[in-house]
Amino acid sequence: MKIIWTHEFIQQLERFDAELNRLRQHRDNHFGHDPDDINAPIVGDMKRITMALREVNDIVENRG
């Protein structure tokens, strides 16, 4: 049974890396926004994204 969970864990790590790469690509592209056209809703979206990332880190660090 341990082998099954190890395999599943490795699959999840690969999916995790893929999602991180997608996020990095969006970040490098300013999340599809022209830096000169940033407005309050875009800043609000970035706050939501940052809060979600903080929640993920809290889970990883066993705080959440």
C-alpha atoms as a PDB file:
ATOM      1  CA  MET A   1       0.000   0.000   0.000  1.00  0.00           C
ATOM      2  CA  LYS A   2       2.900   2.368   0.747  1.00  0.00           C
ATOM      3  CA  ILE A   3       4.085   2.113  -2.869  1.00  0.00           C
ATOM      4  CA  ILE A   4       0.674   3.265  -4.116  1.00  0.00           C
ATOM      5  CA  TRP A   5       0.763   6.352  -1.891  1.00  0.00           C
ATOM      6  CA  THR A   6       4.355   7.121  -2.859  1.00  0.00           C
ATOM      7  CA  HIS A   7       3.425   6.919  -6.540  1.00  0.00           C
ATOM      8  CA  GLU A   8       0.389   9.159  -5.977  1.00  0.00           C
ATOM      9  CA  PHE A   9       2.531  11.646  -4.044  1.00  0.00           C
ATOM     10  CA  ILE A  10       5.056  11.815  -6.894  1.00  0.00           C
ATOM     11  CA  GLN A  11       2.229  12.372  -9.383  1.00  0.00           C
ATOM     12  CA  GLN A  12       0.929  15.223  -7.241  1.00  0.00           C
ATOM     13  CA  LEU A  13       4.414  16.757  -7.064  1.00  0.00           C
ATOM     14  CA  GLU A  14       4.548  16.727 -10.858  1.00  0.00           C
ATOM     15  CA  ARG A  15       1.133  18.418 -11.057  1.00  0.00           C
ATOM     16  CA  PHE A  16       2.266  20.913  -8.431  1.00  0.00           C
ATOM     17  CA  ASP A  17       5.346  21.779 -10.505  1.00  0.00           C
ATOM     18  CA  ALA A  18       3.197  22.211 -13.608  1.00  0.00           C
ATOM     19  CA  GLU A  19       0.879  24.611 -11.758  1.00  0.00           C
ATOM     20  CA  LEU A  20       3.851  26.571 -10.401  1.00  0.00           C
ATOM     21  CA  ASN A  21       5.235  26.886 -13.917  1.00  0.00           C
ATOM     22  CA  ARG A  22       1.875  28.167 -15.171  1.00  0.00           C
ATOM     23  CA  LEU A  23       1.777  30.696 -12.347  1.00  0.00           C
ATOM     24  CA  ARG A  24       5.331  31.852 -13.106  1.00  0.00           C
ATOM     25  CA  GLN A  25       4.433  32.357 -16.762  1.00  0.00           C
ATOM     26  CA  HIS A  26       1.426  34.476 -15.799  1.00  0.00           C
ATOM     27  CA  ARG A  27       3.510  36.448 -13.334  1.00  0.00           C
ATOM     28  CA  ASP A  28       6.237  37.079 -15.909  1.00  0.00           C
ATOM     29  CA  ASN A  29       3.523  38.406 -18.222  1.00  0.00           C
ATOM     30  CA  HIS A  30       2.081  40.691 -15.510  1.00  0.00           C
ATOM     31  CA  PHE A  31      -0.943  38.372 -15.368  1.00  0.00           C
ATOM     32  CA  GLY A  32      -1.910  39.546 -18.840  1.00  0.00           C
ATOM     33  CA  HIS A  33      -2.033  43.233 -17.910  1.00  0.00           C
ATOM     34  CA  ASP A  34      -0.145  46.198 -19.233  1.00  0.00           C
ATOM     35  CA  PRO A  35       1.814  47.569 -16.243  1.00  0.00           C
ATOM     36  CA  ASP A  36       0.741  51.078 -17.241  1.00  0.00           C
ATOM     37  CA  ASP A  37      -2.945  50.134 -17.040  1.00  0.00           C
ATOM     38  CA  ILE A  38      -3.083  48.667 -13.528  1.00  0.00           C
ATOM     39  CA  ASN A  39      -6.273  49.591 -11.674  1.00  0.00           C
ATOM     40  CA  ALA A  40      -8.051  48.798  -8.407  1.00  0.00           C
ATOM     41  CA  PRO A  41      -9.760  45.553  -9.588  1.00  0.00           C
ATOM     42  CA  ILE A  42      -6.428  44.211 -10.847  1.00  0.00           C
ATOM     43  CA  VAL A  43      -4.789  45.039  -7.518  1.00  0.00           C
ATOM     44  CA  GLY A  44      -7.708  43.311  -5.782  1.00  0.00           C
ATOM     45  CA  ASP A  45      -7.142  40.199  -7.875  1.00  0.00           C
ATOM     46  CA  MET A  46      -3.446  40.230  -6.951  1.00  0.00           C
ATOM     47  CA  LYS A  47      -4.384  40.484  -3.270  1.00  0.00           C
ATOM     48  CA  ARG A  48      -6.669  37.437  -3.645  1.00  0.00           C
ATOM     49  CA  ILE A  49      -3.913  35.500  -5.410  1.00  0.00           C
ATOM     50  CA  THR A  50      -1.398  36.452  -2.721  1.00  0.00           C
ATOM     51  CA  MET A  51      -3.791  35.416   0.043  1.00  0.00           C
ATOM     52  CA  ALA A  52      -4.367  32.062  -1.663  1.00  0.00           C
ATOM     53  CA  LEU A  53      -0.618  31.498  -1.909  1.00  0.00           C
ATOM     54  CA  ARG A  54      -0.232  32.387   1.745  1.00  0.00           C
ATOM     55  CA  GLU A  55      -2.911  29.825   2.592  1.00  0.00           C
ATOM     56  CA  VAL A  56      -1.021  27.186   0.611  1.00  0.00           C
ATOM     57  CA  ASN A  57       2.194  28.030   2.466  1.00  0.00           C
ATOM     58  CA  ASP A  58       0.362  27.849   5.786  1.00  0.00           C
ATOM     59  CA  ILE A  59      -0.874  24.356   4.888  1.00  0.00           C
ATOM     60  CA  VAL A  60       2.653  23.266   3.951  1.00  0.00           C
ATOM     61  CA  GLU A  61       4.025  24.733   7.190  1.00  0.00           C
ATOM     62  CA  ASN A  62       1.224  23.078   9.208  1.00  0.00           C
ATOM     63  CA  ARG A  63      -0.219  26.405  10.300  1.00  0.00           C
ATOM     64  CA  GLY A  64      -3.501  26.195   8.444  1.00  0.00           C
END
